[in-house]
Amino acid sequence: MLEPRGDKKVLCAGLICLDILSVMDHYPVEDTDNRIKRQIWQKGGNCANSAAVVAQLDEQAEFFGTLATGRAADMVLDEMREFGVEVDHVVMHDGCDSPSSSIIINTSTGSRTIIHTDKDLPELTFSQFQQLDLNQYKWIHFEGRNMAEVSQMVNAVQEYNHSRSMEDKINISGECEKAKYKPEYFTSTVDVVSH
């Protein structure tokens, strides 16, 4: 449970994308024409979803990540605002594509098949993170993606914590669901690890 600490926020740093969910009563056979039960377009990405959940728990939440300018970004950022998540520090990039996922949900088996594209959108950098005022936050959750940069972000928060009283320290959590992002780094550097 999060401790109430004035107006301090929970920051979630990582991926946001457009999810296009197609709900079907079977998995489609390759090279066939199929009808779907319904289709949903919504914000996605582990970290964006975490920020939305934090906001639903009546905590002040902020999402920090990158997006490409355009309609997809406008849509997912509007949805984040509807959840009550602050998105003022999202880093926008021109001339590239925002990530998206096409998801097939098979209602007969419960399976979920994800096809993800993330071609050319730059990941968050440590220099972008340095623009944030850490005094605003009581908890920072990092999605373990660009670990060379994320490790510097985590170290900066740890350094910040060294000069703070116990009640003013920022809790640090990390999520790393893919082995290619070296999740072992988080186990020794953050307070809470999730997969």
Protein backbone atom coordinates (compact mmCIF):
# COMPACT_ATOMS: atom_id res chain seq x y z
CA MET A 1 0.00 0.00 0.00
CA LEU A 2 1.26 3.45 -0.88
CA GLU A 3 1.81 5.83 2.00
CA PRO A 4 0.03 9.18 1.62
CA ARG A 5 2.72 11.87 1.30
CA GLY A 6 1.08 15.20 0.55
CA ASP A 7 0.89 16.04 -3.12
CA LYS A 8 3.68 13.71 -4.20
CA LYS A 9 3.03 11.53 -7.24
CA VAL A 10 3.77 8.07 -8.54
CA LEU A 11 5.76 8.23 -11.78
CA CYS A 12 5.66 5.36 -14.27
CA ALA A 13 8.48 5.51 -16.83
CA GLY A 14 8.33 3.23 -19.86
CA LEU A 15 6.20 2.24 -22.85
CA ILE A 16 2.89 3.55 -24.10
CA CYS A 17 1.39 2.35 -27.36
CA LEU A 18 -1.84 1.99 -29.28
CA ASP A 19 -3.51 -1.40 -28.75
CA ILE A 20 -5.97 -2.64 -31.39
CA LEU A 21 -7.85 -5.60 -29.92
CA SER A 22 -9.82 -7.92 -32.20
CA VAL A 23 -12.15 -10.25 -30.30
CA MET A 24 -12.97 -13.50 -32.13
CA ASP A 25 -14.61 -16.81 -31.25
CA HIS A 26 -11.71 -18.73 -32.87
CA TYR A 27 -8.15 -18.09 -33.98
CA PRO A 28 -8.11 -17.25 -37.71
CA VAL A 29 -6.70 -19.69 -40.23
CA GLU A 30 -3.95 -18.14 -42.34
CA ASP A 31 -5.03 -16.57 -45.64
CA THR A 32 -8.78 -16.61 -44.85
CA ASP A 33 -11.41 -13.89 -44.45
CA ASN A 34 -12.84 -13.74 -40.92
CA ARG A 35 -15.34 -11.62 -39.01
CA ILE A 36 -14.64 -10.39 -35.52
CA LYS A 37 -17.10 -9.99 -32.63
CA ARG A 38 -15.78 -6.54 -31.80
CA GLN A 39 -12.73 -4.34 -32.09
CA ILE A 40 -11.36 -1.99 -29.43
CA TRP A 41 -8.76 0.73 -29.87
CA GLN A 42 -7.14 1.78 -26.61
CA LYS A 43 -3.93 2.80 -24.93
CA GLY A 44 -1.57 -0.01 -24.09
CA GLY A 45 1.92 -0.71 -22.88
CA ASN A 46 2.83 -2.16 -19.50
CA CYS A 47 3.95 1.12 -17.98
CA ALA A 48 1.02 3.15 -19.31
CA ASN A 49 -1.37 0.53 -17.94
CA SER A 50 0.41 0.62 -14.57
CA ALA A 51 -0.02 4.40 -14.41
CA ALA A 52 -3.75 4.05 -15.16
CA VAL A 53 -4.13 1.48 -12.37
CA VAL A 54 -2.31 3.75 -9.92
CA ALA A 55 -4.70 6.59 -10.82
CA GLN A 56 -7.70 4.28 -10.29
CA LEU A 57 -6.37 3.66 -6.76
CA ASP A 58 -6.84 7.40 -6.11
CA GLU A 59 -3.13 8.15 -6.24
CA GLN A 60 -1.66 11.01 -8.25
CA ALA A 61 -0.06 9.31 -11.24
CA GLU A 62 2.18 10.52 -14.01
CA PHE A 63 3.32 8.67 -17.12
CA PHE A 64 6.76 9.38 -18.58
CA GLY A 65 7.67 7.93 -21.95
CA THR A 66 8.11 8.70 -25.64
CA LEU A 67 5.60 8.98 -28.48
CA ALA A 68 5.59 10.07 -32.10
CA THR A 69 3.42 13.05 -32.95
CA GLY A 70 0.17 12.18 -34.72
CA ARG A 71 -3.33 10.79 -34.26
CA ALA A 72 -2.31 7.63 -32.45
CA ALA A 73 -0.41 9.65 -29.85
CA ASP A 74 -3.30 12.09 -29.45
CA MET A 75 -5.70 9.22 -28.85
CA VAL A 76 -3.64 7.36 -26.24
CA LEU A 77 -2.69 10.57 -24.40
CA ASP A 78 -6.34 11.64 -24.27
CA GLU A 79 -7.25 8.26 -22.79
CA MET A 80 -4.49 8.60 -20.18
CA ARG A 81 -5.90 12.01 -19.19
CA GLU A 82 -9.38 10.46 -18.92
CA PHE A 83 -7.90 8.03 -16.37
CA GLY A 84 -6.51 11.02 -14.48
CA VAL A 85 -2.89 10.35 -15.40
CA GLU A 86 -0.63 13.35 -15.95
CA VAL A 87 1.23 13.20 -19.27
CA ASP A 88 2.88 16.64 -19.35
CA HIS A 89 6.43 15.25 -19.52
CA VAL A 90 5.88 12.76 -22.35
CA VAL A 91 8.67 13.26 -24.91
CA MET A 92 7.24 13.77 -28.41
CA HIS A 93 9.18 12.94 -31.58
CA ASP A 94 8.44 14.07 -35.15
CA GLY A 95 9.14 11.95 -38.20
CA CYS A 96 8.76 8.48 -36.69
CA ASP A 97 5.96 6.08 -35.74
CA SER A 98 4.44 5.43 -32.33
CA PRO A 99 4.46 1.78 -31.28
CA SER A 100 1.30 -0.25 -31.70
CA SER A 101 0.06 -3.75 -30.98
CA SER A 102 -2.54 -5.79 -32.86
CA ILE A 103 -4.03 -8.28 -30.44
CA ILE A 104 -6.23 -11.25 -31.32
CA ILE A 105 -8.33 -12.47 -28.41
CA ASN A 106 -9.77 -15.95 -28.92
CA THR A 107 -12.83 -16.22 -26.66
CA SER A 108 -13.14 -20.00 -27.12
CA THR A 109 -9.69 -20.72 -25.64
CA GLY A 110 -8.86 -17.49 -23.81
CA SER A 111 -5.66 -17.07 -25.81
CA ARG A 112 -4.20 -13.65 -26.56
CA THR A 113 -1.87 -13.26 -29.54
CA ILE A 114 0.08 -10.01 -29.79
CA ILE A 115 1.77 -8.63 -32.90
CA HIS A 116 3.81 -5.57 -31.90
CA THR A 117 5.57 -2.94 -33.96
CA ASP A 118 8.09 -0.50 -32.54
CA LYS A 119 10.18 0.55 -35.53
CA ASP A 120 11.93 3.82 -35.01
CA LEU A 121 10.66 5.61 -31.90
CA PRO A 122 13.58 6.50 -29.59
CA GLU A 123 13.45 5.20 -26.03
CA LEU A 124 13.64 7.48 -23.00
CA THR A 125 17.09 8.82 -22.22
CA PHE A 126 18.78 9.71 -18.97
CA SER A 127 19.13 13.33 -20.10
CA GLN A 128 15.34 13.52 -20.55
CA PHE A 129 14.86 12.03 -17.09
CA GLN A 130 17.18 14.65 -15.63
CA GLN A 131 14.65 17.33 -16.64
CA LEU A 132 12.19 16.01 -14.03
CA ASP A 133 11.98 17.48 -10.53
CA LEU A 134 12.37 14.42 -8.29
CA ASN A 135 10.89 16.35 -5.35
CA GLN A 136 7.46 15.75 -6.93
CA TYR A 137 7.55 11.97 -6.53
CA LYS A 138 7.15 9.41 -3.76
CA TRP A 139 7.47 6.35 -6.00
CA ILE A 140 9.05 5.82 -9.42
CA HIS A 141 8.34 2.69 -11.40
CA PHE A 142 10.67 1.85 -14.28
CA GLU A 143 9.86 -0.50 -17.11
CA GLY A 144 13.11 -2.27 -17.89
CA ARG A 145 13.58 -1.60 -21.56
CA ASN A 146 16.57 0.57 -22.47
CA MET A 147 18.62 -0.64 -19.50
CA ALA A 148 21.75 1.41 -20.28
CA GLU A 149 19.65 4.56 -19.81
CA VAL A 150 17.26 3.18 -17.16
CA SER A 151 20.19 2.13 -14.94
CA GLN A 152 21.38 5.75 -14.93
CA MET A 153 17.86 6.89 -14.00
CA VAL A 154 17.71 4.41 -11.12
CA ASN A 155 21.16 5.52 -9.92
CA ALA A 156 20.02 9.16 -9.99
CA VAL A 157 17.03 8.32 -7.79
CA GLN A 158 19.26 6.38 -5.39
CA GLU A 159 21.62 9.36 -5.22
CA TYR A 160 18.65 11.63 -4.53
CA ASN A 161 17.54 9.28 -1.74
CA HIS A 162 20.95 9.43 -0.01
CA SER A 163 20.34 13.04 0.96
CA ARG A 164 16.73 12.57 2.14
CA SER A 165 15.09 11.53 5.36
CA MET A 166 13.41 8.12 5.41
CA GLU A 167 9.93 9.61 4.89
CA ASP A 168 11.11 11.70 1.91
CA LYS A 169 12.87 8.92 0.05
CA ILE A 170 11.45 7.79 -3.29
CA ASN A 171 10.47 4.13 -3.53
CA ILE A 172 11.86 2.53 -6.68
CA SER A 173 10.28 -0.38 -8.52
CA GLY A 174 11.19 -2.09 -11.76
CA GLU A 175 9.43 -4.40 -14.17
CA CYS A 176 11.26 -6.51 -16.69
CA GLU A 177 9.28 -9.16 -18.52
CA LYS A 178 11.83 -9.97 -21.24
CA ALA A 179 15.22 -11.55 -20.57
CA LYS A 180 16.82 -9.54 -23.39
CA TYR A 181 16.47 -6.42 -21.22
CA LYS A 182 18.66 -7.94 -18.46
CA PRO A 183 16.21 -8.08 -15.54
CA GLU A 184 18.98 -9.13 -13.15
CA TYR A 185 20.01 -5.48 -12.90
CA PHE A 186 16.76 -4.61 -11.15
CA THR A 187 17.05 -7.30 -8.49
CA SER A 188 19.98 -5.55 -6.83
CA THR A 189 19.07 -1.90 -7.41
CA VAL A 190 15.36 -1.36 -6.78
CA ASP A 191 13.02 -1.83 -3.81
CA VAL A 192 10.39 -3.88 -5.65
CA VAL A 193 10.75 -6.08 -8.76
CA SER A 194 7.90 -7.39 -10.90
CA HIS A 195 7.87 -9.59 -14.00
